[in-house]
All heavy atoms as atom14 arrays in JSON, in Angstrom:
{
  "sequence": "LVQRFEDFTPDNDPHREHDFGSFTLRGHKLFWKIDYYDKACECGSE",
  "atom14_mask": [
    [1, 1, 1, 1, 1, 1, 1, 1, 0, 0, 0, 0, 0, 0],
    [1, 1, 1, 1, 1, 1, 1, 0, 0, 0, 0, 0, 0, 0],
    [1, 1, 1, 1, 1, 1, 1, 1, 1, 0, 0, 0, 0, 0],
    [1, 1, 1, 1, 1, 1, 1, 1, 1, 1, 1, 0, 0, 0],
    [1, 1, 1, 1, 1, 1, 1, 1, 1, 1, 1, 0, 0, 0],
    [1, 1, 1, 1, 1, 1, 1, 1, 1, 0, 0, 0, 0, 0],
    [1, 1, 1, 1, 1, 1, 1, 1, 0, 0, 0, 0, 0, 0],
    [1, 1, 1, 1, 1, 1, 1, 1, 1, 1, 1, 0, 0, 0],
    [1, 1, 1, 1, 1, 1, 1, 0, 0, 0, 0, 0, 0, 0],
    [1, 1, 1, 1, 1, 1, 1, 0, 0, 0, 0, 0, 0, 0],
    [1, 1, 1, 1, 1, 1, 1, 1, 0, 0, 0, 0, 0, 0],
    [1, 1, 1, 1, 1, 1, 1, 1, 0, 0, 0, 0, 0, 0],
    [1, 1, 1, 1, 1, 1, 1, 1, 0, 0, 0, 0, 0, 0],
    [1, 1, 1, 1, 1, 1, 1, 0, 0, 0, 0, 0, 0, 0],
    [1, 1, 1, 1, 1, 1, 1, 1, 1, 1, 0, 0, 0, 0],
    [1, 1, 1, 1, 1, 1, 1, 1, 1, 1, 1, 0, 0, 0],
    [1, 1, 1, 1, 1, 1, 1, 1, 1, 0, 0, 0, 0, 0],
    [1, 1, 1, 1, 1, 1, 1, 1, 1, 1, 0, 0, 0, 0],
    [1, 1, 1, 1, 1, 1, 1, 1, 0, 0, 0, 0, 0, 0],
    [1, 1, 1, 1, 1, 1, 1, 1, 1, 1, 1, 0, 0, 0],
    [1, 1, 1, 1, 0, 0, 0, 0, 0, 0, 0, 0, 0, 0],
    [1, 1, 1, 1, 1, 1, 0, 0, 0, 0, 0, 0, 0, 0],
    [1, 1, 1, 1, 1, 1, 1, 1, 1, 1, 1, 0, 0, 0],
    [1, 1, 1, 1, 1, 1, 1, 0, 0, 0, 0, 0, 0, 0],
    [1, 1, 1, 1, 1, 1, 1, 1, 0, 0, 0, 0, 0, 0],
    [1, 1, 1, 1, 1, 1, 1, 1, 1, 1, 1, 0, 0, 0],
    [1, 1, 1, 1, 0, 0, 0, 0, 0, 0, 0, 0, 0, 0],
    [1, 1, 1, 1, 1, 1, 1, 1, 1, 1, 0, 0, 0, 0],
    [1, 1, 1, 1, 1, 1, 1, 1, 1, 0, 0, 0, 0, 0],
    [1, 1, 1, 1, 1, 1, 1, 1, 0, 0, 0, 0, 0, 0],
    [1, 1, 1, 1, 1, 1, 1, 1, 1, 1, 1, 0, 0, 0],
    [1, 1, 1, 1, 1, 1, 1, 1, 1, 1, 1, 1, 1, 1],
    [1, 1, 1, 1, 1, 1, 1, 1, 1, 0, 0, 0, 0, 0],
    [1, 1, 1, 1, 1, 1, 1, 1, 0, 0, 0, 0, 0, 0],
    [1, 1, 1, 1, 1, 1, 1, 1, 0, 0, 0, 0, 0, 0],
    [1, 1, 1, 1, 1, 1, 1, 1, 1, 1, 1, 1, 0, 0],
    [1, 1, 1, 1, 1, 1, 1, 1, 1, 1, 1, 1, 0, 0],
    [1, 1, 1, 1, 1, 1, 1, 1, 0, 0, 0, 0, 0, 0],
    [1, 1, 1, 1, 1, 1, 1, 1, 1, 0, 0, 0, 0, 0],
    [1, 1, 1, 1, 1, 0, 0, 0, 0, 0, 0, 0, 0, 0],
    [1, 1, 1, 1, 1, 1, 0, 0, 0, 0, 0, 0, 0, 0],
    [1, 1, 1, 1, 1, 1, 1, 1, 1, 0, 0, 0, 0, 0],
    [1, 1, 1, 1, 1, 1, 0, 0, 0, 0, 0, 0, 0, 0],
    [1, 1, 1, 1, 0, 0, 0, 0, 0, 0, 0, 0, 0, 0],
    [1, 1, 1, 1, 1, 1, 0, 0, 0, 0, 0, 0, 0, 0],
    [1, 1, 1, 1, 1, 1, 1, 1, 1, 0, 0, 0, 0, 0]
  ],
  "atom14_positions": [
    [[-250.89, 6.12, 172.3], [-250.06, 7.17, 172.9], [-249.64, 8.21, 171.86], [-249.56, 9.4, 172.17], [-248.85, 6.56, 173.58], [-249.18, 5.77, 174.86], [-247.94, 5.05, 175.38], [-249.75, 6.69, 175.93], [0.0, 0.0, 0.0], [0.0, 0.0, 0.0], [0.0, 0.0, 0.0], [0.0, 0.0, 0.0], [0.0, 0.0, 0.0], [0.0, 0.0, 0.0]],
    [[-249.4, 7.78, 170.63], [-249.1, 8.74, 169.56], [-250.31, 9.63, 169.32], [-250.18, 10.85, 169.2], [-248.68, 8.02, 168.26], [-248.63, 8.99, 167.09], [-247.34, 7.31, 168.43], [0.0, 0.0, 0.0], [0.0, 0.0, 0.0], [0.0, 0.0, 0.0], [0.0, 0.0, 0.0], [0.0, 0.0, 0.0], [0.0, 0.0, 0.0], [0.0, 0.0, 0.0]],
    [[-251.49, 9.05, 169.28], [-252.71, 9.82, 169.02], [-252.94, 10.89, 170.08], [-253.49, 11.95, 169.79], [-253.91, 8.89, 168.94], [-253.9, 8.01, 167.72], [-254.98, 6.94, 167.74], [-255.34, 6.43, 168.8], [-255.49, 6.61, 166.58], [0.0, 0.0, 0.0], [0.0, 0.0, 0.0], [0.0, 0.0, 0.0], [0.0, 0.0, 0.0], [0.0, 0.0, 0.0]],
    [[-252.52, 10.61, 171.31], [-252.73, 11.57, 172.41], [-251.5, 12.41, 172.72], [-251.52, 13.21, 173.65], [-253.18, 10.81, 173.65], [-254.56, 10.22, 173.53], [-255.16, 9.8, 174.85], [-254.31, 8.95, 175.65], [-254.32, 7.63, 175.66], [-255.16, 6.98, 174.89], [-253.53, 6.95, 176.45], [0.0, 0.0, 0.0], [0.0, 0.0, 0.0], [0.0, 0.0, 0.0]],
    [[-250.42, 12.24, 171.96], [-249.17, 12.93, 172.26], [-249.34, 14.44, 172.16], [-249.87, 14.96, 171.17], [-248.08, 12.48, 171.28], [-246.71, 12.99, 171.63], [-245.91, 12.29, 172.51], [-246.22, 14.17, 171.08], [-244.64, 12.76, 172.85], [-244.97, 14.63, 171.41], [-244.17, 13.92, 172.29], [0.0, 0.0, 0.0], [0.0, 0.0, 0.0], [0.0, 0.0, 0.0]],
    [[-248.91, 15.15, 173.21], [-249.0, 16.62, 173.24], [-247.74, 17.26, 173.78], [-247.71, 18.47, 174.0], [-250.2, 17.06, 174.09], [-251.53, 16.67, 173.51], [-252.7, 17.16, 174.35], [-252.48, 17.69, 175.46], [-253.84, 17.0, 173.9], [0.0, 0.0, 0.0], [0.0, 0.0, 0.0], [0.0, 0.0, 0.0], [0.0, 0.0, 0.0], [0.0, 0.0, 0.0]],
    [[-246.7, 16.48, 174.0], [-245.49, 16.98, 174.65], [-244.54, 17.63, 173.65], [-243.36, 17.31, 173.58], [-244.79, 15.84, 175.4], [-243.72, 16.32, 176.34], [-243.74, 17.51, 176.72], [-242.83, 15.52, 176.69], [0.0, 0.0, 0.0], [0.0, 0.0, 0.0], [0.0, 0.0, 0.0], [0.0, 0.0, 0.0], [0.0, 0.0, 0.0], [0.0, 0.0, 0.0]],
    [[-245.06, 18.55, 172.85], [-244.25, 19.26, 171.87], [-243.58, 20.45, 172.53], [-244.22, 21.21, 173.27], [-245.11, 19.72, 170.7], [-245.75, 18.6, 169.94], [-247.09, 18.31, 170.09], [-244.99, 17.8, 169.1], [-247.69, 17.27, 169.4], [-245.57, 16.75, 168.4], [-246.91, 16.49, 168.55], [0.0, 0.0, 0.0], [0.0, 0.0, 0.0], [0.0, 0.0, 0.0]],
    [[-242.29, 20.6, 172.27], [-241.51, 21.71, 172.83], [-240.68, 22.32, 171.7], [-240.53, 21.71, 170.63], [-240.55, 21.2, 173.92], [-239.53, 20.37, 173.3], [-241.27, 20.41, 175.0], [0.0, 0.0, 0.0], [0.0, 0.0, 0.0], [0.0, 0.0, 0.0], [0.0, 0.0, 0.0], [0.0, 0.0, 0.0], [0.0, 0.0, 0.0], [0.0, 0.0, 0.0]],
    [[-240.11, 23.49, 171.92], [-239.21, 24.06, 170.91], [-238.01, 23.15, 170.59], [-237.5, 23.17, 169.49], [-238.75, 25.38, 171.54], [-239.87, 25.75, 172.46], [-240.37, 24.43, 173.01], [0.0, 0.0, 0.0], [0.0, 0.0, 0.0], [0.0, 0.0, 0.0], [0.0, 0.0, 0.0], [0.0, 0.0, 0.0], [0.0, 0.0, 0.0], [0.0, 0.0, 0.0]],
    [[-237.61, 22.31, 171.55], [-236.48, 21.41, 171.3], [-236.86, 20.25, 170.39], [-236.09, 19.87, 169.51], [-235.94, 20.84, 172.62], [-235.19, 21.87, 173.43], [-234.63, 22.82, 172.84], [-235.18, 21.73, 174.67], [0.0, 0.0, 0.0], [0.0, 0.0, 0.0], [0.0, 0.0, 0.0], [0.0, 0.0, 0.0], [0.0, 0.0, 0.0], [0.0, 0.0, 0.0]],
    [[-238.04, 19.64, 170.59], [-238.4, 18.48, 169.78], [-239.32, 18.82, 168.61], [-239.65, 17.96, 167.81], [-239.01, 17.35, 170.64], [-240.37, 17.68, 171.19], [-241.05, 18.61, 170.77], [-240.8, 16.91, 172.17], [0.0, 0.0, 0.0], [0.0, 0.0, 0.0], [0.0, 0.0, 0.0], [0.0, 0.0, 0.0], [0.0, 0.0, 0.0], [0.0, 0.0, 0.0]],
    [[-239.75, 20.08, 168.52], [-240.64, 20.51, 167.45], [-240.35, 21.96, 167.06], [-241.2, 22.83, 167.16], [-242.1, 20.36, 167.92], [-243.11, 20.55, 166.81], [-242.76, 20.34, 165.63], [-244.25, 20.91, 167.12], [0.0, 0.0, 0.0], [0.0, 0.0, 0.0], [0.0, 0.0, 0.0], [0.0, 0.0, 0.0], [0.0, 0.0, 0.0], [0.0, 0.0, 0.0]],
    [[-239.11, 22.24, 166.62], [-238.71, 23.62, 166.37], [-239.51, 24.31, 165.27], [-239.63, 25.54, 165.28], [-237.23, 23.51, 165.98], [-237.07, 22.11, 165.48], [-238.06, 21.29, 166.29], [0.0, 0.0, 0.0], [0.0, 0.0, 0.0], [0.0, 0.0, 0.0], [0.0, 0.0, 0.0], [0.0, 0.0, 0.0], [0.0, 0.0, 0.0], [0.0, 0.0, 0.0]],
    [[-240.09, 23.56, 164.34], [-240.87, 24.16, 163.24], [-242.37, 24.1, 163.5], [-243.16, 24.44, 162.62], [-240.53, 23.47, 161.92], [-239.08, 23.52, 161.6], [-238.43, 24.68, 161.2], [-238.12, 22.57, 161.64], [-237.16, 24.42, 161.0], [-236.94, 23.15, 161.28], [0.0, 0.0, 0.0], [0.0, 0.0, 0.0], [0.0, 0.0, 0.0], [0.0, 0.0, 0.0]],
    [[-242.74, 23.61, 164.67], [-244.14, 23.52, 165.09], [-244.99, 22.72, 164.1], [-246.13, 23.06, 163.83], [-244.71, 24.91, 165.33], [-243.95, 25.67, 166.41], [-244.5, 27.02, 166.64], [-245.89, 26.83, 167.07], [-246.63, 27.74, 167.65], [-246.13, 28.91, 167.9], [-247.86, 27.49, 167.99], [0.0, 0.0, 0.0], [0.0, 0.0, 0.0], [0.0, 0.0, 0.0]],
    [[-244.42, 21.62, 163.61], [-245.13, 20.77, 162.65], [-245.83, 19.58, 163.33], [-246.64, 18.92, 162.7], [-244.17, 20.27, 161.57], [-243.66, 21.42, 160.71], [-242.66, 20.98, 159.67], [-242.14, 19.85, 159.75], [-242.38, 21.79, 158.78], [0.0, 0.0, 0.0], [0.0, 0.0, 0.0], [0.0, 0.0, 0.0], [0.0, 0.0, 0.0], [0.0, 0.0, 0.0]],
    [[-245.47, 19.31, 164.57], [-246.08, 18.2, 165.32], [-246.01, 16.88, 164.55], [-246.97, 16.12, 164.5], [-247.53, 18.52, 165.67], [-247.69, 19.63, 166.68], [-246.89, 20.74, 166.72], [-248.57, 19.78, 167.68], [-247.3, 21.53, 167.69], [-248.32, 20.96, 168.3], [0.0, 0.0, 0.0], [0.0, 0.0, 0.0], [0.0, 0.0, 0.0], [0.0, 0.0, 0.0]],
    [[-244.85, 16.61, 163.95], [-244.7, 15.4, 163.14], [-243.64, 14.43, 163.68], [-243.26, 13.49, 163.0], [-244.38, 15.76, 161.69], [-243.07, 16.53, 161.53], [-242.42, 16.83, 162.54], [-242.7, 16.81, 160.37], [0.0, 0.0, 0.0], [0.0, 0.0, 0.0], [0.0, 0.0, 0.0], [0.0, 0.0, 0.0], [0.0, 0.0, 0.0], [0.0, 0.0, 0.0]],
    [[-243.19, 14.65, 164.91], [-242.21, 13.77, 165.54], [-242.44, 13.8, 167.04], [-242.79, 14.83, 167.61], [-240.78, 14.21, 165.24], [-239.76, 13.43, 166.04], [-239.32, 12.2, 165.61], [-239.29, 13.91, 167.25], [-238.41, 11.46, 166.37], [-238.38, 13.19, 168.01], [-237.95, 11.96, 167.56], [0.0, 0.0, 0.0], [0.0, 0.0, 0.0], [0.0, 0.0, 0.0]],
    [[-242.21, 12.67, 167.68], [-242.27, 12.62, 169.13], [-241.6, 11.36, 169.65], [-241.23, 10.47, 168.89], [0.0, 0.0, 0.0], [0.0, 0.0, 0.0], [0.0, 0.0, 0.0], [0.0, 0.0, 0.0], [0.0, 0.0, 0.0], [0.0, 0.0, 0.0], [0.0, 0.0, 0.0], [0.0, 0.0, 0.0], [0.0, 0.0, 0.0], [0.0, 0.0, 0.0]],
    [[-241.42, 11.33, 170.95], [-240.87, 10.13, 171.59], [-241.5, 9.98, 172.95], [-241.94, 10.95, 173.57], [-239.34, 10.22, 171.69], [-238.95, 11.24, 172.56], [0.0, 0.0, 0.0], [0.0, 0.0, 0.0], [0.0, 0.0, 0.0], [0.0, 0.0, 0.0], [0.0, 0.0, 0.0], [0.0, 0.0, 0.0], [0.0, 0.0, 0.0], [0.0, 0.0, 0.0]],
    [[-241.56, 8.74, 173.4], [-242.12, 8.43, 174.72], [-241.61, 7.06, 175.13], [-241.02, 6.33, 174.34], [-243.66, 8.47, 174.71], [-244.29, 7.57, 173.68], [-244.57, 6.24, 173.97], [-244.6, 8.05, 172.42], [-245.15, 5.42, 173.02], [-245.19, 7.23, 171.47], [-245.45, 5.91, 171.77], [0.0, 0.0, 0.0], [0.0, 0.0, 0.0], [0.0, 0.0, 0.0]],
    [[-241.85, 6.71, 176.38], [-241.45, 5.41, 176.91], [-242.7, 4.61, 177.22], [-243.65, 5.12, 177.82], [-240.58, 5.58, 178.17], [-239.43, 6.34, 177.82], [-240.15, 4.23, 178.72], [0.0, 0.0, 0.0], [0.0, 0.0, 0.0], [0.0, 0.0, 0.0], [0.0, 0.0, 0.0], [0.0, 0.0, 0.0], [0.0, 0.0, 0.0], [0.0, 0.0, 0.0]],
    [[-242.7, 3.37, 176.78], [-243.82, 2.45, 177.02], [-243.25, 1.14, 177.53], [-242.42, 0.52, 176.85], [-244.61, 2.24, 175.73], [-245.74, 1.2, 175.76], [-246.79, 1.57, 176.81], [-246.38, 1.09, 174.37], [0.0, 0.0, 0.0], [0.0, 0.0, 0.0], [0.0, 0.0, 0.0], [0.0, 0.0, 0.0], [0.0, 0.0, 0.0], [0.0, 0.0, 0.0]],
    [[-243.65, 0.75, 178.73], [-243.19, -0.5, 179.35], [-241.68, -0.65, 179.3], [-241.14, -1.7, 179.0], [-243.86, -1.7, 178.69], [-245.35, -1.73, 178.85], [-245.94, -3.0, 178.32], [-247.37, -2.84, 178.16], [-248.1, -3.51, 177.28], [-247.54, -4.37, 176.48], [-249.39, -3.3, 177.2], [0.0, 0.0, 0.0], [0.0, 0.0, 0.0], [0.0, 0.0, 0.0]],
    [[-240.99, 0.46, 179.59], [-239.53, 0.43, 179.64], [-238.83, 0.54, 178.3], [-237.61, 0.5, 178.24], [0.0, 0.0, 0.0], [0.0, 0.0, 0.0], [0.0, 0.0, 0.0], [0.0, 0.0, 0.0], [0.0, 0.0, 0.0], [0.0, 0.0, 0.0], [0.0, 0.0, 0.0], [0.0, 0.0, 0.0], [0.0, 0.0, 0.0], [0.0, 0.0, 0.0]],
    [[-239.59, 0.69, 177.22], [-239.02, 0.82, 175.88], [-239.2, 2.24, 175.38], [-240.32, 2.76, 175.38], [-239.71, -0.13, 174.9], [-239.54, -1.57, 175.23], [-238.42, -2.29, 174.88], [-240.36, -2.43, 175.87], [-238.56, -3.53, 175.3], [-239.73, -3.64, 175.91], [0.0, 0.0, 0.0], [0.0, 0.0, 0.0], [0.0, 0.0, 0.0], [0.0, 0.0, 0.0]],
    [[-238.11, 2.87, 174.95], [-238.19, 4.2, 174.35], [-238.63, 4.04, 172.9], [-238.08, 3.23, 172.16], [-236.82, 4.87, 174.4], [-236.77, 6.23, 173.76], [-236.8, 7.29, 174.8], [-236.55, 8.63, 174.13], [-236.71, 9.69, 175.07], [0.0, 0.0, 0.0], [0.0, 0.0, 0.0], [0.0, 0.0, 0.0], [0.0, 0.0, 0.0], [0.0, 0.0, 0.0]],
    [[-239.65, 4.79, 172.51], [-240.17, 4.75, 171.14], [-240.09, 6.12, 170.5], [-240.21, 7.15, 171.18], [-241.63, 4.29, 171.12], [-241.82, 2.81, 171.4], [-242.16, 2.59, 172.86], [-242.89, 2.24, 170.52], [0.0, 0.0, 0.0], [0.0, 0.0, 0.0], [0.0, 0.0, 0.0], [0.0, 0.0, 0.0], [0.0, 0.0, 0.0], [0.0, 0.0, 0.0]],
    [[-239.86, 6.12, 169.18], [-239.93, 7.33, 168.36], [-241.1, 7.16, 167.4], [-241.41, 6.05, 166.97], [-238.67, 7.5, 167.49], [-237.41, 7.76, 168.23], [-236.21, 7.25, 167.75], [-237.37, 8.52, 169.39], [-235.02, 7.49, 168.4], [-236.19, 8.76, 170.06], [-235.01, 8.25, 169.56], [0.0, 0.0, 0.0], [0.0, 0.0, 0.0], [0.0, 0.0, 0.0]],
    [[-241.74, 8.27, 167.07], [-242.73, 8.25, 166.0], [-242.48, 9.44, 165.1], [-241.96, 10.47, 165.52], [-244.16, 8.22, 166.53], [-244.57, 9.43, 167.32], [-244.46, 9.61, 168.67], [-245.15, 10.62, 166.82], [-244.93, 10.84, 169.03], [-245.36, 11.49, 167.91], [-245.51, 11.06, 165.55], [-245.93, 12.75, 167.77], [-246.07, 12.33, 165.41], [-246.27, 13.14, 166.52]],
    [[-242.82, 9.27, 163.83], [-242.57, 10.3, 162.83], [-243.63, 10.22, 161.75], [-244.02, 9.12, 161.34], [-241.17, 10.07, 162.21], [-240.83, 10.94, 161.03], [-240.45, 12.33, 161.48], [-239.92, 13.15, 160.31], [-240.67, 14.35, 160.07], [0.0, 0.0, 0.0], [0.0, 0.0, 0.0], [0.0, 0.0, 0.0], [0.0, 0.0, 0.0], [0.0, 0.0, 0.0]],
    [[-244.1, 11.37, 161.29], [-245.0, 11.43, 160.15], [-244.22, 11.99, 158.97], [-243.61, 13.05, 159.07], [-246.22, 12.32, 160.44], [-247.02, 11.78, 161.64], [-247.11, 12.44, 159.2], [-248.11, 12.71, 162.12], [0.0, 0.0, 0.0], [0.0, 0.0, 0.0], [0.0, 0.0, 0.0], [0.0, 0.0, 0.0], [0.0, 0.0, 0.0], [0.0, 0.0, 0.0]],
    [[-244.24, 11.25, 157.87], [-243.6, 11.71, 156.63], [-244.69, 12.05, 155.62], [-245.78, 11.48, 155.64], [-242.67, 10.63, 156.07], [-241.45, 10.44, 156.95], [-240.68, 11.41, 157.1], [-241.28, 9.34, 157.49], [0.0, 0.0, 0.0], [0.0, 0.0, 0.0], [0.0, 0.0, 0.0], [0.0, 0.0, 0.0], [0.0, 0.0, 0.0], [0.0, 0.0, 0.0]],
    [[-244.37, 12.97, 154.71], [-245.33, 13.48, 153.75], [-244.85, 13.16, 152.34], [-243.88, 13.72, 151.87], [-245.48, 15.0, 153.91], [-245.78, 15.38, 155.33], [-244.76, 15.72, 156.22], [-247.08, 15.39, 155.8], [-245.03, 16.06, 157.53], [-247.37, 15.73, 157.12], [-246.33, 16.06, 157.97], [-246.61, 16.39, 159.26], [0.0, 0.0, 0.0], [0.0, 0.0, 0.0]],
    [[-245.54, 12.24, 151.67], [-245.17, 11.81, 150.33], [-246.19, 12.3, 149.31], [-247.32, 12.64, 149.65], [-245.12, 10.28, 150.26], [-244.01, 9.69, 151.09], [-244.27, 9.18, 152.36], [-242.71, 9.63, 150.61], [-243.25, 8.64, 153.14], [-241.69, 9.09, 151.38], [-241.97, 8.6, 152.63], [-240.96, 8.07, 153.4], [0.0, 0.0, 0.0], [0.0, 0.0, 0.0]],
    [[-245.78, 12.25, 148.04], [-246.74, 12.52, 146.98], [-247.76, 11.38, 146.96], [-247.61, 10.39, 147.67], [-246.04, 12.68, 145.63], [-245.34, 11.42, 145.14], [-245.39, 10.38, 145.82], [-244.74, 11.49, 144.07], [0.0, 0.0, 0.0], [0.0, 0.0, 0.0], [0.0, 0.0, 0.0], [0.0, 0.0, 0.0], [0.0, 0.0, 0.0], [0.0, 0.0, 0.0]],
    [[-248.79, 11.5, 146.17], [-249.86, 10.49, 146.16], [-249.37, 9.11, 145.73], [-249.92, 8.1, 146.15], [-251.02, 10.93, 145.27], [-251.91, 11.97, 145.92], [-252.46, 11.44, 147.23], [-253.78, 12.02, 147.58], [-254.3, 11.52, 148.84], [0.0, 0.0, 0.0], [0.0, 0.0, 0.0], [0.0, 0.0, 0.0], [0.0, 0.0, 0.0], [0.0, 0.0, 0.0]],
    [[-248.31, 9.05, 144.93], [-247.77, 7.76, 144.49], [-246.75, 7.19, 145.47], [-246.25, 6.1, 145.27], [-247.12, 7.92, 143.12], [0.0, 0.0, 0.0], [0.0, 0.0, 0.0], [0.0, 0.0, 0.0], [0.0, 0.0, 0.0], [0.0, 0.0, 0.0], [0.0, 0.0, 0.0], [0.0, 0.0, 0.0], [0.0, 0.0, 0.0], [0.0, 0.0, 0.0]],
    [[-246.47, 7.95, 146.53], [-245.48, 7.55, 147.54], [-244.1, 7.3, 146.93], [-243.38, 6.39, 147.34], [-245.95, 6.32, 148.32], [-247.37, 6.66, 149.36], [0.0, 0.0, 0.0], [0.0, 0.0, 0.0], [0.0, 0.0, 0.0], [0.0, 0.0, 0.0], [0.0, 0.0, 0.0], [0.0, 0.0, 0.0], [0.0, 0.0, 0.0], [0.0, 0.0, 0.0]],
    [[-243.75, 8.1, 145.93], [-242.46, 7.97, 145.27], [-241.46, 9.03, 145.71], [-240.26, 8.83, 145.62], [-242.64, 8.04, 143.75], [-243.42, 6.85, 143.22], [-243.69, 6.94, 141.73], [-243.48, 8.01, 141.14], [-244.13, 5.92, 141.17], [0.0, 0.0, 0.0], [0.0, 0.0, 0.0], [0.0, 0.0, 0.0], [0.0, 0.0, 0.0], [0.0, 0.0, 0.0]],
    [[-241.95, 10.18, 146.15], [-241.06, 11.25, 146.62], [-241.84, 12.14, 147.59], [-243.02, 11.93, 147.82], [-240.5, 12.06, 145.45], [-241.75, 12.84, 144.43], [0.0, 0.0, 0.0], [0.0, 0.0, 0.0], [0.0, 0.0, 0.0], [0.0, 0.0, 0.0], [0.0, 0.0, 0.0], [0.0, 0.0, 0.0], [0.0, 0.0, 0.0], [0.0, 0.0, 0.0]],
    [[-241.17, 13.13, 148.13], [-241.82, 14.03, 149.07], [-242.92, 14.84, 148.4], [-242.84, 15.15, 147.21], [0.0, 0.0, 0.0], [0.0, 0.0, 0.0], [0.0, 0.0, 0.0], [0.0, 0.0, 0.0], [0.0, 0.0, 0.0], [0.0, 0.0, 0.0], [0.0, 0.0, 0.0], [0.0, 0.0, 0.0], [0.0, 0.0, 0.0], [0.0, 0.0, 0.0]],
    [[-243.93, 15.17, 149.17], [-245.03, 15.98, 148.66], [-244.56, 17.41, 148.4], [-243.8, 17.97, 149.19], [-246.18, 16.0, 149.67], [-247.2, 16.87, 149.24], [0.0, 0.0, 0.0], [0.0, 0.0, 0.0], [0.0, 0.0, 0.0], [0.0, 0.0, 0.0], [0.0, 0.0, 0.0], [0.0, 0.0, 0.0], [0.0, 0.0, 0.0], [0.0, 0.0, 0.0]],
    [[-245.03, 18.0, 147.31], [-244.7, 19.39, 147.03], [-245.41, 20.34, 147.99], [-244.92, 21.43, 148.26], [-245.06, 19.73, 145.58], [-244.15, 19.05, 144.59], [-244.39, 19.52, 143.17], [-244.88, 20.65, 142.98], [-244.09, 18.74, 142.26], [0.0, 0.0, 0.0], [0.0, 0.0, 0.0], [0.0, 0.0, 0.0], [0.0, 0.0, 0.0], [0.0, 0.0, 0.0]]
  ]
}
């Protein structure tokens, strides 16, 4: 469902980065988020 997620709106994606979403699956609300780290995964990517 994350792979097919397309329900981006100005409210849930104000910067148009498509890196967050939410949906309901079998009665459970889920959040997903993509974070961007440096190659060593020690801090955010420049």
